[in-house]
Amino acid sequence: MPMISGPLKWYTVAETLRAAVHAELTTKPARSSVVPGLIAWDECDCGLLAVSVARVFLTETFPDELARRVGNACDAPWEVAELVIQVVRCAPNPDDPMTAPTTAELNASAQEVLRDAYEMLDAVSVKLCQMNAAREISDFMLRPLTAQGPSGGCVGNELRAYVSLPRN
């Protein structure tokens, strides 16, 4: 398969990763999409899988950002996108201001979130390895998976990946 290119190349990479994560998740989220800009937790409807392109930068040496001008700055051979993948679930909440969630509810939530983390990391790493081997991308690097929340009744995980493609 040829290297991914064109004006929607970063959308193509993001959608490929979204589809891979969605297919791997044991519990499918109610909403799943590539989203523009920062990922917003508009409503915690007990399931959100979102992928966003946080930034794109030029590089001469992956994964380092271009730190100095290369020639006339038109010579940097690579573009790198930082992709953000989040899986968000409902967090246990108190029934009233005086009652905390039960330990059983917290335990069940922890199991779900940690299963999501395992499945998300597995899906993204496998898919990026496949894309790299097929020469659809030029390189990639995964950043640490980090816990998100709880906030606004939501809790989940975030995984960031750097993906490199030739400039075109």
N, C-alpha and C. Protein backbone atom coordinates (compact mmCIF):
# COMPACT_ATOMS: atom_id res chain seq x y z
N MET A 1 0.86 -1.18 0.00
CA MET A 1 0.00 0.00 0.00
C MET A 1 0.90 1.24 0.00
N PRO A 2 0.52 2.28 -0.73
CA PRO A 2 1.38 3.48 -0.80
C PRO A 2 1.32 4.32 0.47
N MET A 3 2.33 5.16 0.63
CA MET A 3 2.40 6.09 1.76
C MET A 3 1.16 6.97 1.74
N ILE A 4 0.57 7.21 2.89
CA ILE A 4 -0.60 8.08 3.01
C ILE A 4 -0.16 9.51 2.68
N SER A 5 -0.94 10.19 1.85
CA SER A 5 -0.58 11.55 1.44
C SER A 5 -1.84 12.35 1.13
N GLY A 6 -1.63 13.62 0.80
CA GLY A 6 -2.73 14.47 0.40
C GLY A 6 -3.26 15.35 1.52
N PRO A 7 -4.23 16.18 1.21
CA PRO A 7 -4.72 17.15 2.19
C PRO A 7 -5.44 16.54 3.39
N LEU A 8 -5.92 15.32 3.28
CA LEU A 8 -6.60 14.66 4.40
C LEU A 8 -5.77 13.53 4.99
N LYS A 9 -4.45 13.59 4.80
CA LYS A 9 -3.59 12.50 5.28
C LYS A 9 -3.69 12.31 6.79
N TRP A 10 -3.76 13.40 7.55
CA TRP A 10 -3.82 13.26 9.01
C TRP A 10 -5.19 12.77 9.45
N TYR A 11 -6.24 13.15 8.73
CA TYR A 11 -7.55 12.59 9.03
C TYR A 11 -7.54 11.08 8.77
N THR A 12 -6.92 10.67 7.68
CA THR A 12 -6.86 9.25 7.34
C THR A 12 -6.15 8.45 8.43
N VAL A 13 -5.04 8.97 8.94
CA VAL A 13 -4.32 8.29 10.02
C VAL A 13 -5.20 8.24 11.27
N ALA A 14 -5.83 9.37 11.62
CA ALA A 14 -6.68 9.44 12.82
C ALA A 14 -7.85 8.46 12.71
N GLU A 15 -8.51 8.42 11.59
CA GLU A 15 -9.66 7.53 11.41
C GLU A 15 -9.23 6.07 11.43
N THR A 16 -8.08 5.76 10.88
CA THR A 16 -7.56 4.39 10.92
C THR A 16 -7.33 3.95 12.36
N LEU A 17 -6.76 4.82 13.19
CA LEU A 17 -6.53 4.49 14.60
C LEU A 17 -7.85 4.40 15.36
N ARG A 18 -8.79 5.30 15.07
CA ARG A 18 -10.10 5.25 15.74
C ARG A 18 -10.79 3.91 15.45
N ALA A 19 -10.79 3.50 14.19
CA ALA A 19 -11.43 2.24 13.81
C ALA A 19 -10.75 1.04 14.48
N ALA A 20 -9.43 1.08 14.59
CA ALA A 20 -8.70 -0.02 15.22
C ALA A 20 -9.05 -0.13 16.71
N VAL A 21 -9.09 1.01 17.40
CA VAL A 21 -9.42 1.00 18.82
C VAL A 21 -10.87 0.54 19.01
N HIS A 22 -11.78 1.08 18.22
CA HIS A 22 -13.19 0.71 18.34
C HIS A 22 -13.38 -0.80 18.17
N ALA A 23 -12.70 -1.37 17.20
CA ALA A 23 -12.83 -2.81 16.95
C ALA A 23 -12.29 -3.63 18.13
N GLU A 24 -11.29 -3.12 18.83
CA GLU A 24 -10.64 -3.87 19.91
C GLU A 24 -11.37 -3.78 21.24
N LEU A 25 -12.16 -2.70 21.47
CA LEU A 25 -12.78 -2.49 22.76
C LEU A 25 -13.86 -3.54 23.05
N THR A 26 -13.79 -4.13 24.22
CA THR A 26 -14.79 -5.11 24.64
C THR A 26 -16.16 -4.45 24.77
N THR A 27 -16.20 -3.29 25.42
CA THR A 27 -17.44 -2.52 25.56
C THR A 27 -17.36 -1.34 24.61
N LYS A 28 -18.18 -1.38 23.57
CA LYS A 28 -18.15 -0.32 22.55
C LYS A 28 -18.74 0.96 23.13
N PRO A 29 -18.07 2.10 22.92
CA PRO A 29 -18.60 3.38 23.41
C PRO A 29 -19.81 3.83 22.60
N ALA A 30 -20.69 4.59 23.24
CA ALA A 30 -21.90 5.09 22.58
C ALA A 30 -21.54 6.05 21.44
N ARG A 31 -20.46 6.82 21.63
CA ARG A 31 -20.05 7.78 20.60
C ARG A 31 -18.60 7.50 20.22
N SER A 32 -18.30 7.59 18.92
CA SER A 32 -16.95 7.32 18.43
C SER A 32 -16.71 8.16 17.19
N SER A 33 -15.63 8.99 17.22
CA SER A 33 -15.41 9.90 16.11
C SER A 33 -14.01 10.47 16.12
N VAL A 34 -13.55 10.90 14.95
CA VAL A 34 -12.42 11.81 14.85
C VAL A 34 -13.03 13.19 15.09
N VAL A 35 -12.39 13.98 15.95
CA VAL A 35 -12.96 15.28 16.32
C VAL A 35 -11.95 16.39 16.02
N PRO A 36 -12.45 17.60 15.76
CA PRO A 36 -11.54 18.73 15.53
C PRO A 36 -11.07 19.33 16.85
N GLY A 37 -9.84 19.74 16.91
CA GLY A 37 -9.33 20.45 18.08
C GLY A 37 -9.24 19.58 19.32
N LEU A 38 -9.34 20.23 20.48
CA LEU A 38 -9.28 19.50 21.75
C LEU A 38 -10.50 18.60 21.91
N ILE A 39 -10.31 17.49 22.57
CA ILE A 39 -11.42 16.57 22.81
C ILE A 39 -12.26 17.11 23.96
N ALA A 40 -13.53 17.36 23.67
CA ALA A 40 -14.45 17.91 24.67
C ALA A 40 -15.31 16.80 25.24
N TRP A 41 -15.44 16.80 26.56
CA TRP A 41 -16.33 15.87 27.23
C TRP A 41 -17.66 16.58 27.39
N ASP A 42 -18.35 16.82 26.27
CA ASP A 42 -19.61 17.57 26.29
C ASP A 42 -20.65 16.92 27.18
N GLU A 43 -20.70 15.63 27.13
CA GLU A 43 -21.60 14.89 28.00
C GLU A 43 -20.95 13.55 28.23
N CYS A 44 -21.03 13.09 29.41
CA CYS A 44 -20.47 11.77 29.69
C CYS A 44 -21.62 10.78 29.60
N ASP A 45 -21.82 10.27 28.40
CA ASP A 45 -22.92 9.35 28.17
C ASP A 45 -22.46 7.90 28.27
N CYS A 46 -21.52 7.69 29.17
CA CYS A 46 -20.99 6.36 29.45
C CYS A 46 -20.31 5.73 28.25
N GLY A 47 -19.75 6.58 27.44
CA GLY A 47 -18.94 6.03 26.36
C GLY A 47 -18.57 7.05 25.32
N LEU A 48 -17.26 7.29 25.18
CA LEU A 48 -16.74 8.18 24.15
C LEU A 48 -15.38 7.67 23.73
N LEU A 49 -15.21 7.47 22.44
CA LEU A 49 -13.90 7.22 21.84
C LEU A 49 -13.68 8.37 20.88
N ALA A 50 -12.66 9.16 21.14
CA ALA A 50 -12.37 10.31 20.28
C ALA A 50 -10.90 10.32 19.91
N VAL A 51 -10.63 10.70 18.67
CA VAL A 51 -9.27 10.86 18.19
C VAL A 51 -9.16 12.26 17.60
N SER A 52 -8.08 12.94 17.95
CA SER A 52 -7.87 14.31 17.48
C SER A 52 -6.41 14.49 17.08
N VAL A 53 -6.17 15.37 16.14
CA VAL A 53 -4.82 15.76 15.78
C VAL A 53 -4.51 17.02 16.59
N ALA A 54 -3.63 16.88 17.60
CA ALA A 54 -3.33 17.99 18.51
C ALA A 54 -2.44 19.03 17.85
N ARG A 55 -1.47 18.57 17.07
CA ARG A 55 -0.57 19.50 16.39
C ARG A 55 0.19 18.78 15.30
N VAL A 56 0.70 19.55 14.36
CA VAL A 56 1.53 19.05 13.27
C VAL A 56 2.77 19.92 13.22
N PHE A 57 3.93 19.30 13.12
CA PHE A 57 5.16 20.07 13.04
C PHE A 57 6.11 19.45 12.03
N LEU A 58 7.09 20.24 11.61
CA LEU A 58 8.09 19.78 10.66
C LEU A 58 9.28 19.22 11.41
N THR A 59 9.96 18.28 10.78
CA THR A 59 11.15 17.71 11.37
C THR A 59 12.15 17.29 10.30
N GLU A 60 13.38 17.29 10.73
CA GLU A 60 14.45 16.75 9.91
C GLU A 60 14.87 15.40 10.46
N THR A 61 14.66 15.23 11.79
CA THR A 61 15.02 14.00 12.49
C THR A 61 13.86 13.62 13.41
N PHE A 62 13.09 12.61 13.01
CA PHE A 62 11.95 12.15 13.80
C PHE A 62 12.43 11.65 15.14
N PRO A 63 11.78 11.94 16.24
CA PRO A 63 10.54 12.69 16.44
C PRO A 63 10.77 14.13 16.87
N ASP A 64 11.99 14.63 16.70
CA ASP A 64 12.33 15.96 17.18
C ASP A 64 11.72 17.05 16.31
N GLU A 65 11.16 18.06 16.98
CA GLU A 65 10.65 19.22 16.24
C GLU A 65 11.82 19.94 15.59
N LEU A 66 11.55 20.56 14.45
CA LEU A 66 12.56 21.34 13.76
C LEU A 66 13.00 22.47 14.68
N ALA A 67 14.26 22.43 15.10
CA ALA A 67 14.77 23.41 16.07
C ALA A 67 15.50 24.56 15.40
N ARG A 68 15.88 24.35 14.18
CA ARG A 68 16.57 25.41 13.45
C ARG A 68 16.14 25.35 12.00
N ARG A 69 16.36 26.40 11.35
CA ARG A 69 15.99 26.48 9.95
C ARG A 69 16.81 25.51 9.12
N VAL A 70 16.16 24.80 8.23
CA VAL A 70 16.83 23.90 7.30
C VAL A 70 16.75 24.56 5.94
N GLY A 71 17.88 24.95 5.40
CA GLY A 71 17.88 25.66 4.12
C GLY A 71 16.99 26.88 4.22
N ASN A 72 15.98 26.93 3.40
CA ASN A 72 15.04 28.06 3.44
C ASN A 72 13.76 27.67 4.18
N ALA A 73 13.82 26.66 5.03
CA ALA A 73 12.71 26.12 5.82
C ALA A 73 11.72 25.34 4.96
N CYS A 74 11.95 25.29 3.69
CA CYS A 74 11.11 24.47 2.81
C CYS A 74 11.71 23.08 2.65
N ASP A 75 12.87 22.88 3.25
CA ASP A 75 13.61 21.64 3.02
C ASP A 75 13.35 20.56 4.07
N ALA A 76 12.62 20.86 5.13
CA ALA A 76 12.36 19.82 6.13
C ALA A 76 11.61 18.68 5.45
N PRO A 77 12.13 17.46 5.54
CA PRO A 77 11.55 16.37 4.76
C PRO A 77 10.31 15.71 5.35
N TRP A 78 10.02 15.94 6.65
CA TRP A 78 8.95 15.19 7.29
C TRP A 78 7.97 16.11 8.00
N GLU A 79 6.73 15.67 8.03
CA GLU A 79 5.70 16.25 8.89
C GLU A 79 5.40 15.22 9.96
N VAL A 80 5.19 15.70 11.18
CA VAL A 80 4.82 14.82 12.28
C VAL A 80 3.53 15.33 12.88
N ALA A 81 2.58 14.44 13.08
CA ALA A 81 1.33 14.79 13.76
C ALA A 81 1.35 14.14 15.14
N GLU A 82 0.89 14.90 16.12
CA GLU A 82 0.66 14.34 17.45
C GLU A 82 -0.83 14.02 17.54
N LEU A 83 -1.14 12.75 17.59
CA LEU A 83 -2.53 12.30 17.66
C LEU A 83 -2.88 11.96 19.10
N VAL A 84 -4.09 12.35 19.50
CA VAL A 84 -4.59 12.11 20.85
C VAL A 84 -5.78 11.16 20.73
N ILE A 85 -5.71 10.04 21.46
CA ILE A 85 -6.78 9.06 21.46
C ILE A 85 -7.30 8.97 22.90
N GLN A 86 -8.60 9.15 23.08
CA GLN A 86 -9.20 9.05 24.41
C GLN A 86 -10.38 8.08 24.39
N VAL A 87 -10.46 7.28 25.44
CA VAL A 87 -11.64 6.47 25.72
C VAL A 87 -12.13 6.91 27.09
N VAL A 88 -13.38 7.38 27.13
CA VAL A 88 -13.96 7.96 28.35
C VAL A 88 -15.21 7.18 28.73
N ARG A 89 -15.36 6.94 30.02
CA ARG A 89 -16.52 6.23 30.57
C ARG A 89 -17.12 7.06 31.70
N CYS A 90 -18.34 6.69 32.12
CA CYS A 90 -18.94 7.33 33.29
C CYS A 90 -18.21 6.88 34.55
N ALA A 91 -17.93 7.83 35.41
CA ALA A 91 -17.31 7.53 36.71
C ALA A 91 -18.40 7.32 37.75
N PRO A 92 -18.14 6.48 38.73
CA PRO A 92 -19.11 6.35 39.82
C PRO A 92 -19.28 7.69 40.53
N ASN A 93 -20.51 8.07 40.76
CA ASN A 93 -20.82 9.32 41.43
C ASN A 93 -21.67 9.04 42.66
N PRO A 94 -21.60 9.92 43.64
CA PRO A 94 -22.44 9.73 44.82
C PRO A 94 -23.92 9.91 44.47
N ASP A 95 -24.75 9.16 45.16
CA ASP A 95 -26.19 9.29 44.96
C ASP A 95 -26.70 10.61 45.53
N ASP A 96 -26.03 11.09 46.57
CA ASP A 96 -26.37 12.38 47.15
C ASP A 96 -25.07 12.96 47.71
N PRO A 97 -25.04 14.25 48.07
CA PRO A 97 -23.79 14.88 48.51
C PRO A 97 -23.16 14.23 49.75
N MET A 98 -23.90 13.45 50.49
CA MET A 98 -23.38 12.86 51.72
C MET A 98 -22.94 11.41 51.56
N THR A 99 -23.10 10.83 50.35
CA THR A 99 -22.81 9.42 50.15
C THR A 99 -21.78 9.25 49.03
N ALA A 100 -20.65 8.67 49.35
CA ALA A 100 -19.62 8.40 48.34
C ALA A 100 -19.99 7.15 47.55
N PRO A 101 -19.42 6.98 46.35
CA PRO A 101 -19.64 5.72 45.62
C PRO A 101 -19.13 4.55 46.46
N THR A 102 -19.74 3.41 46.28
CA THR A 102 -19.32 2.23 47.03
C THR A 102 -17.98 1.73 46.49
N THR A 103 -17.30 0.96 47.30
CA THR A 103 -16.04 0.38 46.83
C THR A 103 -16.28 -0.60 45.69
N ALA A 104 -17.42 -1.26 45.68
CA ALA A 104 -17.75 -2.16 44.57
C ALA A 104 -17.90 -1.37 43.27
N GLU A 105 -18.56 -0.21 43.33
CA GLU A 105 -18.70 0.64 42.14
C GLU A 105 -17.34 1.15 41.66
N LEU A 106 -16.51 1.56 42.59
CA LEU A 106 -15.16 2.04 42.24
C LEU A 106 -14.33 0.91 41.63
N ASN A 107 -14.44 -0.28 42.20
CA ASN A 107 -13.71 -1.43 41.70
C ASN A 107 -14.15 -1.78 40.27
N ALA A 108 -15.45 -1.80 40.02
CA ALA A 108 -15.97 -2.10 38.68
C ALA A 108 -15.52 -1.06 37.67
N SER A 109 -15.53 0.21 38.08
CA SER A 109 -15.07 1.28 37.20
C SER A 109 -13.58 1.13 36.89
N ALA A 110 -12.79 0.80 37.89
CA ALA A 110 -11.35 0.61 37.68
C ALA A 110 -11.10 -0.53 36.70
N GLN A 111 -11.84 -1.61 36.83
CA GLN A 111 -11.68 -2.74 35.90
C GLN A 111 -12.00 -2.32 34.47
N GLU A 112 -13.10 -1.59 34.30
CA GLU A 112 -13.49 -1.16 32.95
C GLU A 112 -12.45 -0.23 32.35
N VAL A 113 -11.98 0.74 33.12
CA VAL A 113 -11.02 1.72 32.62
C VAL A 113 -9.67 1.06 32.32
N LEU A 114 -9.25 0.12 33.16
CA LEU A 114 -7.98 -0.57 32.92
C LEU A 114 -8.08 -1.53 31.74
N ARG A 115 -9.24 -2.15 31.53
CA ARG A 115 -9.45 -2.98 30.33
C ARG A 115 -9.37 -2.09 29.09
N ASP A 116 -10.03 -0.94 29.14
CA ASP A 116 -9.96 0.01 28.02
C ASP A 116 -8.51 0.40 27.73
N ALA A 117 -7.73 0.66 28.78
CA ALA A 117 -6.33 1.06 28.60
C ALA A 117 -5.54 -0.02 27.88
N TYR A 118 -5.71 -1.25 28.33
CA TYR A 118 -5.02 -2.38 27.70
C TYR A 118 -5.42 -2.51 26.23
N GLU A 119 -6.72 -2.48 25.97
CA GLU A 119 -7.21 -2.67 24.60
C GLU A 119 -6.83 -1.50 23.70
N MET A 120 -6.86 -0.28 24.22
CA MET A 120 -6.49 0.88 23.43
C MET A 120 -5.01 0.83 23.06
N LEU A 121 -4.15 0.58 24.04
CA LEU A 121 -2.71 0.51 23.78
C LEU A 121 -2.38 -0.60 22.80
N ASP A 122 -3.02 -1.75 22.99
CA ASP A 122 -2.79 -2.88 22.08
C ASP A 122 -3.22 -2.53 20.66
N ALA A 123 -4.43 -1.99 20.50
CA ALA A 123 -4.95 -1.67 19.16
C ALA A 123 -4.08 -0.65 18.44
N VAL A 124 -3.69 0.41 19.15
CA VAL A 124 -2.90 1.48 18.51
C VAL A 124 -1.51 0.98 18.15
N SER A 125 -0.86 0.27 19.07
CA SER A 125 0.50 -0.19 18.76
C SER A 125 0.51 -1.20 17.62
N VAL A 126 -0.44 -2.12 17.61
CA VAL A 126 -0.51 -3.10 16.52
C VAL A 126 -0.79 -2.41 15.20
N LYS A 127 -1.77 -1.50 15.17
CA LYS A 127 -2.13 -0.83 13.92
C LYS A 127 -0.98 0.01 13.40
N LEU A 128 -0.30 0.76 14.27
CA LEU A 128 0.82 1.58 13.81
C LEU A 128 1.98 0.71 13.31
N CYS A 129 2.22 -0.42 13.96
CA CYS A 129 3.25 -1.35 13.46
C CYS A 129 2.88 -1.87 12.08
N GLN A 130 1.61 -2.22 11.88
CA GLN A 130 1.16 -2.68 10.57
C GLN A 130 1.30 -1.59 9.51
N MET A 131 0.91 -0.36 9.86
CA MET A 131 1.00 0.75 8.91
C MET A 131 2.46 1.05 8.57
N ASN A 132 3.34 0.93 9.55
CA ASN A 132 4.76 1.18 9.32
C ASN A 132 5.34 0.09 8.43
N ALA A 133 5.01 -1.17 8.72
CA ALA A 133 5.51 -2.29 7.91
C ALA A 133 5.02 -2.21 6.47
N ALA A 134 3.79 -1.73 6.29
CA ALA A 134 3.21 -1.59 4.95
C ALA A 134 3.66 -0.30 4.25
N ARG A 135 4.48 0.48 4.94
CA ARG A 135 4.99 1.76 4.42
C ARG A 135 3.88 2.77 4.12
N GLU A 136 2.79 2.69 4.92
CA GLU A 136 1.74 3.70 4.82
C GLU A 136 2.14 4.96 5.59
N ILE A 137 2.98 4.77 6.62
CA ILE A 137 3.55 5.88 7.39
C ILE A 137 5.07 5.69 7.39
N SER A 138 5.80 6.76 7.69
CA SER A 138 7.26 6.62 7.67
C SER A 138 7.83 6.25 9.03
N ASP A 139 7.15 6.60 10.12
CA ASP A 139 7.62 6.23 11.44
C ASP A 139 6.55 6.58 12.47
N PHE A 140 6.71 6.08 13.69
CA PHE A 140 5.78 6.43 14.77
C PHE A 140 6.47 6.24 16.12
N MET A 141 5.89 6.86 17.13
CA MET A 141 6.34 6.70 18.50
C MET A 141 5.14 6.90 19.42
N LEU A 142 4.94 5.97 20.33
CA LEU A 142 3.86 6.10 21.31
C LEU A 142 4.38 6.81 22.55
N ARG A 143 3.55 7.66 23.10
CA ARG A 143 3.85 8.34 24.37
C ARG A 143 3.14 7.56 25.47
N PRO A 144 3.43 7.83 26.74
CA PRO A 144 2.77 7.08 27.81
C PRO A 144 1.26 7.26 27.82
N LEU A 145 0.56 6.18 28.10
CA LEU A 145 -0.89 6.24 28.29
C LEU A 145 -1.12 6.86 29.67
N THR A 146 -2.03 7.83 29.75
CA THR A 146 -2.28 8.50 31.02
C THR A 146 -3.76 8.45 31.38
N ALA A 147 -4.01 8.34 32.69
CA ALA A 147 -5.38 8.36 33.20
C ALA A 147 -5.96 9.76 33.05
N GLN A 148 -7.25 9.84 32.81
CA GLN A 148 -7.97 11.10 32.67
C GLN A 148 -9.13 11.12 33.65
N GLY A 149 -9.29 12.23 34.36
CA GLY A 149 -10.40 12.38 35.29
C GLY A 149 -10.12 11.69 36.60
N PRO A 150 -11.14 11.49 37.41
CA PRO A 150 -12.53 11.79 37.09
C PRO A 150 -12.80 13.30 37.08
N SER A 151 -13.65 13.68 36.17
CA SER A 151 -14.05 15.07 36.03
C SER A 151 -15.43 15.11 35.38
N GLY A 152 -16.34 15.86 35.98
CA GLY A 152 -17.68 15.98 35.42
C GLY A 152 -18.39 14.65 35.25
N GLY A 153 -18.07 13.70 36.10
CA GLY A 153 -18.72 12.39 36.01
C GLY A 153 -18.08 11.46 35.01
N CYS A 154 -16.93 11.85 34.46
CA CYS A 154 -16.24 11.02 33.46
C CYS A 154 -14.87 10.60 33.97
N VAL A 155 -14.41 9.46 33.47
CA VAL A 155 -13.08 8.95 33.77
C VAL A 155 -12.63 8.14 32.56
N GLY A 156 -11.32 8.09 32.32
CA GLY A 156 -10.87 7.32 31.17
C GLY A 156 -9.37 7.35 31.00
N ASN A 157 -8.94 7.19 29.76
CA ASN A 157 -7.52 7.12 29.40
C ASN A 157 -7.25 7.95 28.16
N GLU A 158 -6.00 8.41 28.09
CA GLU A 158 -5.54 9.13 26.91
C GLU A 158 -4.22 8.54 26.47
N LEU A 159 -4.09 8.34 25.17
CA LEU A 159 -2.86 7.85 24.56
C LEU A 159 -2.48 8.83 23.46
N ARG A 160 -1.22 9.22 23.43
CA ARG A 160 -0.72 10.11 22.39
C ARG A 160 0.29 9.35 21.54
N ALA A 161 0.24 9.62 20.25
CA ALA A 161 1.17 8.99 19.31
C ALA A 161 1.72 10.06 18.38
N TYR A 162 3.00 9.97 18.09
CA TYR A 162 3.60 10.79 17.04
C TYR A 162 3.69 9.91 15.80
N VAL A 163 3.23 10.44 14.67
CA VAL A 163 3.27 9.71 13.41
C VAL A 163 3.93 10.63 12.39
N SER A 164 4.83 10.07 11.61
CA SER A 164 5.57 10.82 10.62
C SER A 164 5.18 10.41 9.21
N LEU A 165 5.05 11.42 8.35
CA LEU A 165 4.80 11.23 6.92
C LEU A 165 5.69 12.20 6.14
N PRO A 166 6.03 11.84 4.90
CA PRO A 166 6.78 12.80 4.10
C PRO A 166 5.95 14.04 3.81
N ARG A 167 6.61 15.16 3.69
CA ARG A 167 5.90 16.39 3.32
C ARG A 167 5.43 16.27 1.88
N ASN A 168 4.24 16.76 1.62
CA ASN A 168 3.75 16.78 0.23
C ASN A 168 2.70 17.83 0.08
